Amino acid sequence: MNKIPGFIRLMRPINCLMMGFAVIVGAAIANSRMLADSLDSLIYGFFTGFLLTAAAMAINDYYDREIDAINEPSRPIPSGTIKPNEALVFAFSLTTFGFVSVAFTASIYCFITALIFWLISVVYATVGKKTGLLGNFLVSACVSAPFIYGSLTVTGTIKLNILIFASMVFLSNTGREITKGIVDVEGDKTRNIKTLAVRFGPRKAAIASAVFYLVAVALTPLPPILHLVTFWFIPLVAITDTGLAASSIMLLLDYSRENARKMKNQVLVWFLVGLIAFVVGSLR
């Protein structure tokens, strides 16, 4: 029984809930008027996002157990709560249930999309993380995936507004991953993980992180210009843009490990506001 909390922590349930919810958000952004007619698909889509994310988290912690022993020693595997082989079995079970949920959507496009992004998550956990920036791109692709999956769930296609939103998510999350590299630089050095912070130092990593945040901000005028959203998108996304710009400036002024940790958490708030902006702007 003592292992149950460890397995729950291994899943990172908040991350799983966010990814499952992101599938529904992707569907709402793609076509909010089709949601009522697609409830079954949305439920299966939620569980697909939840379960495959949980599996990816478990696999990631298995391969990160030596790094976590330095950076995050309280996590389930380095703390001894969960054995490494137990984590792998748990990940396999979660993956199986995740693809069962995909099968219930009865869409070959959903299956292919889920498989591609699950493989990307495995590649990242096994070999991609050591590549640094490429690894950051792999993570960002996985974070963008549920929105694309949600669009496919209700429309069978990837809508233009979803492509723009997924691009913004990809860019801003890449900035956050680079910021996380500043936080984890000591543990990453011991495993020869070539993050930008390890290769070029925290200052240059902070500059690169800010560039990705600001390029994401630069895409935000596109949805209103292309008439893909309503007016209510504008004031909400302005909060996200201001927040990301402010976080970028604060990171550039202070790229210490402590401030980078603060900024990576702060950026999550701006992500959430941006997500709300797209949902509200897509309601017609």
C-alpha atoms as a PDB file:
ATOM      1  CA  MET A   1       0.000   0.000   0.000  1.00  0.00           C
ATOM      2  CA  ASN A   2       2.904   2.363   0.682  1.00  0.00           C
ATOM      3  CA  LYS A   3       3.800   2.212  -3.001  1.00  0.00           C
ATOM      4  CA  ILE A   4       0.484   3.670  -4.207  1.00  0.00           C
ATOM      5  CA  PRO A   5       1.432   7.293  -3.423  1.00  0.00           C
ATOM      6  CA  GLY A   6       4.764   6.635  -5.142  1.00  0.00           C
ATOM      7  CA  PHE A   7       3.088   5.410  -8.326  1.00  0.00           C
ATOM      8  CA  ILE A   8       0.739   8.407  -8.269  1.00  0.00           C
ATOM      9  CA  ARG A   9       3.692  10.767  -7.939  1.00  0.00           C
ATOM     10  CA  LEU A  10       5.488   8.885 -10.723  1.00  0.00           C
ATOM     11  CA  MET A  11       2.578   9.706 -13.046  1.00  0.00           C
ATOM     12  CA  ARG A  12       2.649  13.417 -12.193  1.00  0.00           C
ATOM     13  CA  PRO A  13      -1.174  13.525 -12.167  1.00  0.00           C
ATOM     14  CA  ILE A  14      -1.384  17.297 -12.569  1.00  0.00           C
ATOM     15  CA  ASN A  15       0.606  17.064 -15.812  1.00  0.00           C
ATOM     16  CA  CYS A  16      -1.618  14.180 -16.938  1.00  0.00           C
ATOM     17  CA  LEU A  17      -4.792  16.111 -16.184  1.00  0.00           C
ATOM     18  CA  MET A  18      -3.441  19.101 -18.080  1.00  0.00           C
ATOM     19  CA  MET A  19      -2.620  16.991 -21.138  1.00  0.00           C
ATOM     20  CA  GLY A  20      -5.997  15.255 -21.050  1.00  0.00           C
ATOM     21  CA  PHE A  21      -7.716  18.614 -20.712  1.00  0.00           C
ATOM     22  CA  ALA A  22      -5.561  19.964 -23.555  1.00  0.00           C
ATOM     23  CA  VAL A  23      -7.172  17.411 -25.903  1.00  0.00           C
ATOM     24  CA  ILE A  24     -10.585  18.876 -25.062  1.00  0.00           C
ATOM     25  CA  VAL A  25      -9.211  22.391 -25.466  1.00  0.00           C
ATOM     26  CA  GLY A  26      -7.796  21.475 -28.872  1.00  0.00           C
ATOM     27  CA  ALA A  27     -11.224  20.199 -29.891  1.00  0.00           C
ATOM     28  CA  ALA A  28     -12.882  23.394 -28.636  1.00  0.00           C
ATOM     29  CA  ILE A  29     -10.433  25.601 -30.492  1.00  0.00           C
ATOM     30  CA  ALA A  30     -10.851  23.575 -33.697  1.00  0.00           C
ATOM     31  CA  ASN A  31     -14.657  23.693 -33.670  1.00  0.00           C
ATOM     32  CA  SER A  32     -16.546  24.451 -30.453  1.00  0.00           C
ATOM     33  CA  ARG A  33     -19.916  23.775 -32.119  1.00  0.00           C
ATOM     34  CA  MET A  34     -19.048  20.100 -32.621  1.00  0.00           C
ATOM     35  CA  LEU A  35     -18.275  19.362 -28.964  1.00  0.00           C
ATOM     36  CA  ALA A  36     -21.793  18.299 -27.989  1.00  0.00           C
ATOM     37  CA  ASP A  37     -21.884  15.743 -30.811  1.00  0.00           C
ATOM     38  CA  SER A  38     -18.454  14.336 -29.950  1.00  0.00           C
ATOM     39  CA  LEU A  39     -18.691  13.626 -26.215  1.00  0.00           C
ATOM     40  CA  ASP A  40     -17.644   9.965 -26.481  1.00  0.00           C
ATOM     41  CA  SER A  41     -14.601  10.821 -28.588  1.00  0.00           C
ATOM     42  CA  LEU A  42     -13.663  13.627 -26.209  1.00  0.00           C
ATOM     43  CA  ILE A  43     -13.829  11.319 -23.185  1.00  0.00           C
ATOM     44  CA  TYR A  44     -11.617   8.761 -24.917  1.00  0.00           C
ATOM     45  CA  GLY A  45      -9.345  11.586 -26.055  1.00  0.00           C
ATOM     46  CA  PHE A  46      -9.003  12.846 -22.491  1.00  0.00           C
ATOM     47  CA  PHE A  47      -8.003   9.406 -21.226  1.00  0.00           C
ATOM     48  CA  THR A  48      -5.584   8.970 -24.128  1.00  0.00           C
ATOM     49  CA  GLY A  49      -3.813  12.208 -23.226  1.00  0.00           C
ATOM     50  CA  PHE A  50      -3.871  11.378 -19.520  1.00  0.00           C
ATOM     51  CA  LEU A  51      -2.619   7.790 -19.766  1.00  0.00           C
ATOM     52  CA  LEU A  52       0.069   8.270 -22.420  1.00  0.00           C
ATOM     53  CA  THR A  53       1.393  11.286 -20.533  1.00  0.00           C
ATOM     54  CA  ALA A  54       1.520   9.209 -17.341  1.00  0.00           C
ATOM     55  CA  ALA A  55       3.411   6.490 -19.220  1.00  0.00           C
ATOM     56  CA  ALA A  56       5.876   9.041 -20.606  1.00  0.00           C
ATOM     57  CA  MET A  57       6.448  10.465 -17.112  1.00  0.00           C
ATOM     58  CA  ALA A  58       7.215   7.004 -15.706  1.00  0.00           C
ATOM     59  CA  ILE A  59       9.594   6.178 -18.571  1.00  0.00           C
ATOM     60  CA  ASN A  60      11.297   9.546 -18.197  1.00  0.00           C
ATOM     61  CA  ASP A  61      11.821   9.033 -14.455  1.00  0.00           C
ATOM     62  CA  TYR A  62      13.245   5.561 -15.079  1.00  0.00           C
ATOM     63  CA  TYR A  63      15.938   6.925 -17.399  1.00  0.00           C
ATOM     64  CA  ASP A  64      16.452  10.039 -15.267  1.00  0.00           C
ATOM     65  CA  ARG A  65      16.940   8.200 -11.988  1.00  0.00           C
ATOM     66  CA  GLU A  66      20.653   9.041 -11.731  1.00  0.00           C
ATOM     67  CA  ILE A  67      20.111  12.710 -12.611  1.00  0.00           C
ATOM     68  CA  ASP A  68      17.169  12.924 -10.211  1.00  0.00           C
ATOM     69  CA  ALA A  69      19.345  11.509  -7.452  1.00  0.00           C
ATOM     70  CA  ILE A  70      21.171  14.867  -7.690  1.00  0.00           C
ATOM     71  CA  ASN A  71      18.495  17.311  -8.880  1.00  0.00           C
ATOM     72  CA  GLU A  72      15.318  15.793  -7.369  1.00  0.00           C
ATOM     73  CA  PRO A  73      16.288  13.117  -4.789  1.00  0.00           C
ATOM     74  CA  SER A  74      12.761  13.015  -3.308  1.00  0.00           C
ATOM     75  CA  ARG A  75      11.198  11.589  -6.489  1.00  0.00           C
ATOM     76  CA  PRO A  76       9.816   8.024  -6.247  1.00  0.00           C
ATOM     77  CA  ILE A  77      12.713   6.124  -7.857  1.00  0.00           C
ATOM     78  CA  PRO A  78      15.782   7.855  -6.348  1.00  0.00           C
ATOM     79  CA  SER A  79      14.056   7.939  -2.947  1.00  0.00           C
ATOM     80  CA  GLY A  80      13.589   4.156  -3.102  1.00  0.00           C
ATOM     81  CA  THR A  81       9.784   4.264  -2.953  1.00  0.00           C
ATOM     82  CA  ILE A  82       9.471   2.676  -6.408  1.00  0.00           C
ATOM     83  CA  LYS A  83      11.983   0.234  -7.887  1.00  0.00           C
ATOM     84  CA  PRO A  84      13.200   0.940 -11.443  1.00  0.00           C
ATOM     85  CA  ASN A  85      11.722  -2.290 -12.867  1.00  0.00           C
ATOM     86  CA  GLU A  86       8.380  -1.504 -11.200  1.00  0.00           C
ATOM     87  CA  ALA A  87       8.369   1.867 -12.943  1.00  0.00           C
ATOM     88  CA  LEU A  88       8.874   0.181 -16.331  1.00  0.00           C
ATOM     89  CA  VAL A  89       6.048  -2.304 -15.755  1.00  0.00           C
ATOM     90  CA  PHE A  90       3.811   0.547 -14.660  1.00  0.00           C
ATOM     91  CA  ALA A  91       4.720   2.536 -17.789  1.00  0.00           C
ATOM     92  CA  PHE A  92       3.927  -0.456 -20.035  1.00  0.00           C
ATOM     93  CA  SER A  93       0.519  -0.874 -18.384  1.00  0.00           C
ATOM     94  CA  LEU A  94      -0.311   2.817 -18.783  1.00  0.00           C
ATOM     95  CA  THR A  95       0.748   2.726 -22.447  1.00  0.00           C
ATOM     96  CA  THR A  96      -1.492  -0.285 -23.110  1.00  0.00           C
ATOM     97  CA  PHE A  97      -4.537   1.391 -21.558  1.00  0.00           C
ATOM     98  CA  GLY A  98      -3.720   4.609 -23.406  1.00  0.00           C
ATOM     99  CA  PHE A  99      -3.810   2.925 -26.797  1.00  0.00           C
ATOM    100  CA  VAL A 100      -7.007   1.093 -25.864  1.00  0.00           C
ATOM    101  CA  SER A 101      -8.530   4.559 -25.432  1.00  0.00           C
ATOM    102  CA  VAL A 102      -7.194   5.537 -28.854  1.00  0.00           C
ATOM    103  CA  ALA A 103      -8.818   2.461 -30.393  1.00  0.00           C
ATOM    104  CA  PHE A 104     -12.232   3.555 -29.096  1.00  0.00           C
ATOM    105  CA  THR A 105     -12.025   6.754 -31.143  1.00  0.00           C
ATOM    106  CA  ALA A 106     -12.097   4.550 -34.274  1.00  0.00           C
ATOM    107  CA  SER A 107      -9.875   7.032 -36.147  1.00  0.00           C
ATOM    108  CA  ILE A 108      -6.739   5.959 -37.952  1.00  0.00           C
ATOM    109  CA  TYR A 109      -5.520   9.582 -37.882  1.00  0.00           C
ATOM    110  CA  CYS A 110      -5.849   9.693 -34.099  1.00  0.00           C
ATOM    111  CA  PHE A 111      -4.019   6.383 -33.787  1.00  0.00           C
ATOM    112  CA  ILE A 112      -1.139   7.492 -36.017  1.00  0.00           C
ATOM    113  CA  THR A 113      -0.870  10.830 -34.201  1.00  0.00           C
ATOM    114  CA  ALA A 114      -0.874   9.188 -30.757  1.00  0.00           C
ATOM    115  CA  LEU A 115       1.722   6.642 -31.872  1.00  0.00           C
ATOM    116  CA  ILE A 116       4.029   9.256 -33.386  1.00  0.00           C
ATOM    117  CA  PHE A 117       4.027  11.487 -30.337  1.00  0.00           C
ATOM    118  CA  TRP A 118       4.322   8.562 -27.924  1.00  0.00           C
ATOM    119  CA  LEU A 119       7.398   7.398 -29.848  1.00  0.00           C
ATOM    120  CA  ILE A 120       8.779  10.937 -29.697  1.00  0.00           C
ATOM    121  CA  SER A 121       8.360  10.905 -25.916  1.00  0.00           C
ATOM    122  CA  VAL A 122      10.192   7.573 -25.683  1.00  0.00           C
ATOM    123  CA  VAL A 123      13.006   8.799 -27.940  1.00  0.00           C
ATOM    124  CA  TYR A 124      13.366  11.856 -25.737  1.00  0.00           C
ATOM    125  CA  ALA A 125      13.510   9.842 -22.515  1.00  0.00           C
ATOM    126  CA  THR A 126      15.994   7.283 -23.860  1.00  0.00           C
ATOM    127  CA  VAL A 127      18.410   9.258 -26.026  1.00  0.00           C
ATOM    128  CA  GLY A 128      16.964  12.658 -26.904  1.00  0.00           C
ATOM    129  CA  LYS A 129      17.516  14.402 -23.594  1.00  0.00           C
ATOM    130  CA  LYS A 130      21.297  14.232 -23.959  1.00  0.00           C
ATOM    131  CA  THR A 131      21.116  16.181 -27.231  1.00  0.00           C
ATOM    132  CA  GLY A 132      20.148  19.408 -25.489  1.00  0.00           C
ATOM    133  CA  LEU A 133      18.213  21.714 -27.814  1.00  0.00           C
ATOM    134  CA  LEU A 134      16.951  18.832 -29.963  1.00  0.00           C
ATOM    135  CA  GLY A 135      15.664  17.245 -26.782  1.00  0.00           C
ATOM    136  CA  ASN A 136      13.890  20.502 -25.935  1.00  0.00           C
ATOM    137  CA  PHE A 137      12.205  20.372 -29.338  1.00  0.00           C
ATOM    138  CA  LEU A 138      11.057  16.797 -28.720  1.00  0.00           C
ATOM    139  CA  VAL A 139       9.441  17.782 -25.417  1.00  0.00           C
ATOM    140  CA  SER A 140       7.739  20.767 -27.020  1.00  0.00           C
ATOM    141  CA  ALA A 141       6.383  18.578 -29.807  1.00  0.00           C
ATOM    142  CA  CYS A 142       4.785  16.314 -27.185  1.00  0.00           C
ATOM    143  CA  VAL A 143       3.299  19.292 -25.339  1.00  0.00           C
ATOM    144  CA  SER A 144       1.757  20.507 -28.620  1.00  0.00           C
ATOM    145  CA  ALA A 145       0.407  17.043 -29.454  1.00  0.00           C
ATOM    146  CA  PRO A 146      -2.841  16.993 -27.436  1.00  0.00           C
ATOM    147  CA  PHE A 147      -4.151  20.117 -29.156  1.00  0.00           C
ATOM    148  CA  ILE A 148      -3.540  18.550 -32.557  1.00  0.00           C
ATOM    149  CA  TYR A 149      -5.092  15.308 -31.314  1.00  0.00           C
ATOM    150  CA  GLY A 150      -8.160  17.188 -30.087  1.00  0.00           C
ATOM    151  CA  SER A 151      -8.660  18.784 -33.493  1.00  0.00           C
ATOM    152  CA  LEU A 152      -8.449  15.397 -35.174  1.00  0.00           C
ATOM    153  CA  THR A 153     -10.899  13.935 -32.657  1.00  0.00           C
ATOM    154  CA  VAL A 154     -13.783  16.242 -33.560  1.00  0.00           C
ATOM    155  CA  THR A 155     -13.021  17.411 -37.106  1.00  0.00           C
ATOM    156  CA  GLY A 156     -10.782  14.705 -38.592  1.00  0.00           C
ATOM    157  CA  THR A 157      -8.396  17.468 -39.711  1.00  0.00           C
ATOM    158  CA  ILE A 158      -5.846  19.870 -38.241  1.00  0.00           C
ATOM    159  CA  LYS A 159      -7.399  23.333 -38.438  1.00  0.00           C
ATOM    160  CA  LEU A 160      -5.356  26.473 -39.184  1.00  0.00           C
ATOM    161  CA  ASN A 161      -6.061  28.013 -35.777  1.00  0.00           C
ATOM    162  CA  ILE A 162      -4.787  24.825 -34.156  1.00  0.00           C
ATOM    163  CA  LEU A 163      -1.598  24.974 -36.226  1.00  0.00           C
ATOM    164  CA  ILE A 164      -0.959  28.544 -35.076  1.00  0.00           C
ATOM    165  CA  PHE A 165      -1.746  27.729 -31.455  1.00  0.00           C
ATOM    166  CA  ALA A 166       0.383  24.559 -31.520  1.00  0.00           C
ATOM    167  CA  SER A 167       3.262  26.604 -32.977  1.00  0.00           C
ATOM    168  CA  MET A 168       2.964  29.110 -30.136  1.00  0.00           C
ATOM    169  CA  VAL A 169       2.900  26.286 -27.591  1.00  0.00           C
ATOM    170  CA  PHE A 170       5.936  24.689 -29.247  1.00  0.00           C
ATOM    171  CA  LEU A 171       7.968  27.896 -29.191  1.00  0.00           C
ATOM    172  CA  SER A 172       7.073  29.053 -25.685  1.00  0.00           C
ATOM    173  CA  ASN A 173       7.542  25.591 -24.204  1.00  0.00           C
ATOM    174  CA  THR A 174      10.956  25.355 -25.861  1.00  0.00           C
ATOM    175  CA  GLY A 175      11.825  28.587 -24.088  1.00  0.00           C
ATOM    176  CA  ARG A 176      10.665  27.056 -20.805  1.00  0.00           C
ATOM    177  CA  GLU A 177      12.690  23.869 -21.407  1.00  0.00           C
ATOM    178  CA  ILE A 178      15.809  25.957 -21.961  1.00  0.00           C
ATOM    179  CA  THR A 179      15.040  27.822 -18.729  1.00  0.00           C
ATOM    180  CA  LYS A 180      14.709  24.482 -16.938  1.00  0.00           C
ATOM    181  CA  GLY A 181      18.169  23.635 -18.255  1.00  0.00           C
ATOM    182  CA  ILE A 182      19.539  26.569 -16.258  1.00  0.00           C
ATOM    183  CA  VAL A 183      17.882  25.161 -13.127  1.00  0.00           C
ATOM    184  CA  ASP A 184      19.216  21.632 -13.710  1.00  0.00           C
ATOM    185  CA  VAL A 185      22.660  22.554 -14.978  1.00  0.00           C
ATOM    186  CA  GLU A 186      24.646  20.837 -12.186  1.00  0.00           C
ATOM    187  CA  GLY A 187      22.876  17.476 -12.493  1.00  0.00           C
ATOM    188  CA  ASP A 188      22.954  17.667 -16.297  1.00  0.00           C
ATOM    189  CA  LYS A 189      26.726  18.169 -16.274  1.00  0.00           C
ATOM    190  CA  THR A 190      27.229  14.897 -14.410  1.00  0.00           C
ATOM    191  CA  ARG A 191      25.398  12.979 -17.180  1.00  0.00           C
ATOM    192  CA  ASN A 192      26.922  14.952 -20.043  1.00  0.00           C
ATOM    193  CA  ILE A 193      23.518  16.263 -21.136  1.00  0.00           C
ATOM    194  CA  LYS A 194      24.316  18.991 -23.627  1.00  0.00           C
ATOM    195  CA  THR A 195      21.703  21.605 -22.739  1.00  0.00           C
ATOM    196  CA  LEU A 196      22.366  25.167 -23.854  1.00  0.00           C
ATOM    197  CA  ALA A 197      23.105  26.080 -20.234  1.00  0.00           C
ATOM    198  CA  VAL A 198      25.746  23.324 -19.992  1.00  0.00           C
ATOM    199  CA  ARG A 199      27.331  24.043 -23.376  1.00  0.00           C
ATOM    200  CA  PHE A 200      27.265  27.843 -23.432  1.00  0.00           C
ATOM    201  CA  GLY A 201      26.463  28.930 -19.892  1.00  0.00           C
ATOM    202  CA  PRO A 202      23.334  30.289 -18.174  1.00  0.00           C
ATOM    203  CA  ARG A 203      23.550  33.761 -19.750  1.00  0.00           C
ATOM    204  CA  LYS A 204      23.395  32.544 -23.345  1.00  0.00           C
ATOM    205  CA  ALA A 205      20.739  29.996 -22.389  1.00  0.00           C
ATOM    206  CA  ALA A 206      18.659  32.831 -20.929  1.00  0.00           C
ATOM    207  CA  ILE A 207      19.013  34.780 -24.175  1.00  0.00           C
ATOM    208  CA  ALA A 208      17.910  31.779 -26.241  1.00  0.00           C
ATOM    209  CA  SER A 209      14.980  31.176 -23.891  1.00  0.00           C
ATOM    210  CA  ALA A 210      13.835  34.788 -24.219  1.00  0.00           C
ATOM    211  CA  VAL A 211      14.059  34.590 -28.021  1.00  0.00           C
ATOM    212  CA  PHE A 212      11.702  31.595 -28.109  1.00  0.00           C
ATOM    213  CA  TYR A 213       9.243  33.320 -25.743  1.00  0.00           C
ATOM    214  CA  LEU A 214       9.218  36.472 -27.847  1.00  0.00           C
ATOM    215  CA  VAL A 215       8.832  34.662 -31.182  1.00  0.00           C
ATOM    216  CA  ALA A 216       5.792  32.932 -29.684  1.00  0.00           C
ATOM    217  CA  VAL A 217       4.451  36.360 -28.709  1.00  0.00           C
ATOM    218  CA  ALA A 218       5.045  37.572 -32.271  1.00  0.00           C
ATOM    219  CA  LEU A 219       2.612  34.937 -33.594  1.00  0.00           C
ATOM    220  CA  THR A 220      -0.313  36.104 -31.454  1.00  0.00           C
ATOM    221  CA  PRO A 221      -1.573  38.774 -33.922  1.00  0.00           C
ATOM    222  CA  LEU A 222      -2.135  36.136 -36.613  1.00  0.00           C
ATOM    223  CA  PRO A 223      -5.437  34.638 -35.336  1.00  0.00           C
ATOM    224  CA  PRO A 224      -7.284  37.995 -35.234  1.00  0.00           C
ATOM    225  CA  ILE A 225      -5.726  39.143 -38.514  1.00  0.00           C
ATOM    226  CA  LEU A 226      -6.896  35.925 -40.195  1.00  0.00           C
ATOM    227  CA  HIS A 227     -10.329  36.210 -38.509  1.00  0.00           C
ATOM    228  CA  LEU A 228      -9.868  32.878 -36.753  1.00  0.00           C
ATOM    229  CA  VAL A 229     -10.961  34.175 -33.337  1.00  0.00           C
ATOM    230  CA  THR A 230     -13.398  36.683 -31.864  1.00  0.00           C
ATOM    231  CA  PHE A 231     -12.516  40.025 -30.311  1.00  0.00           C
ATOM    232  CA  TRP A 232     -12.338  38.499 -26.811  1.00  0.00           C
ATOM    233  CA  PHE A 233      -9.131  36.726 -27.744  1.00  0.00           C
ATOM    234  CA  ILE A 234      -7.262  40.037 -27.881  1.00  0.00           C
ATOM    235  CA  PRO A 235      -7.416  41.308 -24.251  1.00  0.00           C
ATOM    236  CA  LEU A 236      -6.682  37.861 -22.836  1.00  0.00           C
ATOM    237  CA  VAL A 237      -3.747  37.103 -25.107  1.00  0.00           C
ATOM    238  CA  ALA A 238      -2.392  40.569 -24.327  1.00  0.00           C
ATOM    239  CA  ILE A 239      -1.963  39.392 -20.729  1.00  0.00           C
ATOM    240  CA  THR A 240       0.003  36.365 -21.953  1.00  0.00           C
ATOM    241  CA  ASP A 241       2.160  38.511 -24.230  1.00  0.00           C
ATOM    242  CA  THR A 242       2.911  41.006 -21.465  1.00  0.00           C
ATOM    243  CA  GLY A 243       3.671  38.217 -19.012  1.00  0.00           C
ATOM    244  CA  LEU A 244       6.029  36.381 -21.361  1.00  0.00           C
ATOM    245  CA  ALA A 245       7.809  39.607 -22.263  1.00  0.00           C
ATOM    246  CA  ALA A 246       8.200  40.511 -18.575  1.00  0.00           C
ATOM    247  CA  SER A 247       9.446  37.004 -17.702  1.00  0.00           C
ATOM    248  CA  SER A 248      11.961  37.229 -20.544  1.00  0.00           C
ATOM    249  CA  ILE A 249      13.307  40.536 -19.267  1.00  0.00           C
ATOM    250  CA  MET A 250      13.537  39.279 -15.670  1.00  0.00           C
ATOM    251  CA  LEU A 251      15.375  36.151 -16.821  1.00  0.00           C
ATOM    252  CA  LEU A 252      17.839  38.203 -18.860  1.00  0.00           C
ATOM    253  CA  LEU A 253      18.512  40.477 -15.882  1.00  0.00           C
ATOM    254  CA  ASP A 254      18.972  37.558 -13.470  1.00  0.00           C
ATOM    255  CA  TYR A 255      19.807  34.146 -14.926  1.00  0.00           C
ATOM    256  CA  SER A 256      20.691  32.534 -11.615  1.00  0.00           C
ATOM    257  CA  ARG A 257      19.408  29.026 -10.844  1.00  0.00           C
ATOM    258  CA  GLU A 258      16.953  30.373  -8.277  1.00  0.00           C
ATOM    259  CA  ASN A 259      15.457  32.999 -10.579  1.00  0.00           C
ATOM    260  CA  ALA A 260      15.310  30.576 -13.516  1.00  0.00           C
ATOM    261  CA  ARG A 261      13.281  28.194 -11.354  1.00  0.00           C
ATOM    262  CA  LYS A 262      10.938  31.061 -10.487  1.00  0.00           C
ATOM    263  CA  MET A 263      10.581  32.078 -14.144  1.00  0.00           C
ATOM    264  CA  LYS A 264       9.853  28.559 -15.393  1.00  0.00           C
ATOM    265  CA  ASN A 265       6.998  28.322 -12.890  1.00  0.00           C
ATOM    266  CA  GLN A 266       5.786  31.822 -13.691  1.00  0.00           C
ATOM    267  CA  VAL A 267       5.643  31.043 -17.407  1.00  0.00           C
ATOM    268  CA  LEU A 268       3.119  28.269 -16.711  1.00  0.00           C
ATOM    269  CA  VAL A 269       0.669  30.959 -15.598  1.00  0.00           C
ATOM    270  CA  TRP A 270       1.076  32.813 -18.897  1.00  0.00           C
ATOM    271  CA  PHE A 271       0.568  29.511 -20.758  1.00  0.00           C
ATOM    272  CA  LEU A 272      -2.735  29.014 -18.942  1.00  0.00           C
ATOM    273  CA  VAL A 273      -3.957  32.529 -19.747  1.00  0.00           C
ATOM    274  CA  GLY A 274      -3.005  32.038 -23.397  1.00  0.00           C
ATOM    275  CA  LEU A 275      -4.892  28.757 -23.493  1.00  0.00           C
ATOM    276  CA  ILE A 276      -7.978  30.483 -22.054  1.00  0.00           C
ATOM    277  CA  ALA A 277      -7.590  33.241 -24.659  1.00  0.00           C
ATOM    278  CA  PHE A 278      -7.761  30.729 -27.503  1.00  0.00           C
ATOM    279  CA  VAL A 279     -10.738  28.882 -26.008  1.00  0.00           C
ATOM    280  CA  VAL A 280     -12.728  32.068 -25.367  1.00  0.00           C
ATOM    281  CA  GLY A 281     -11.772  33.477 -28.745  1.00  0.00           C
ATOM    282  CA  SER A 282     -12.939  30.303 -30.505  1.00  0.00           C
ATOM    283  CA  LEU A 283     -16.458  30.340 -28.986  1.00  0.00           C
ATOM    284  CA  ARG A 284     -18.927  31.588 -31.564  1.00  0.00           C
END
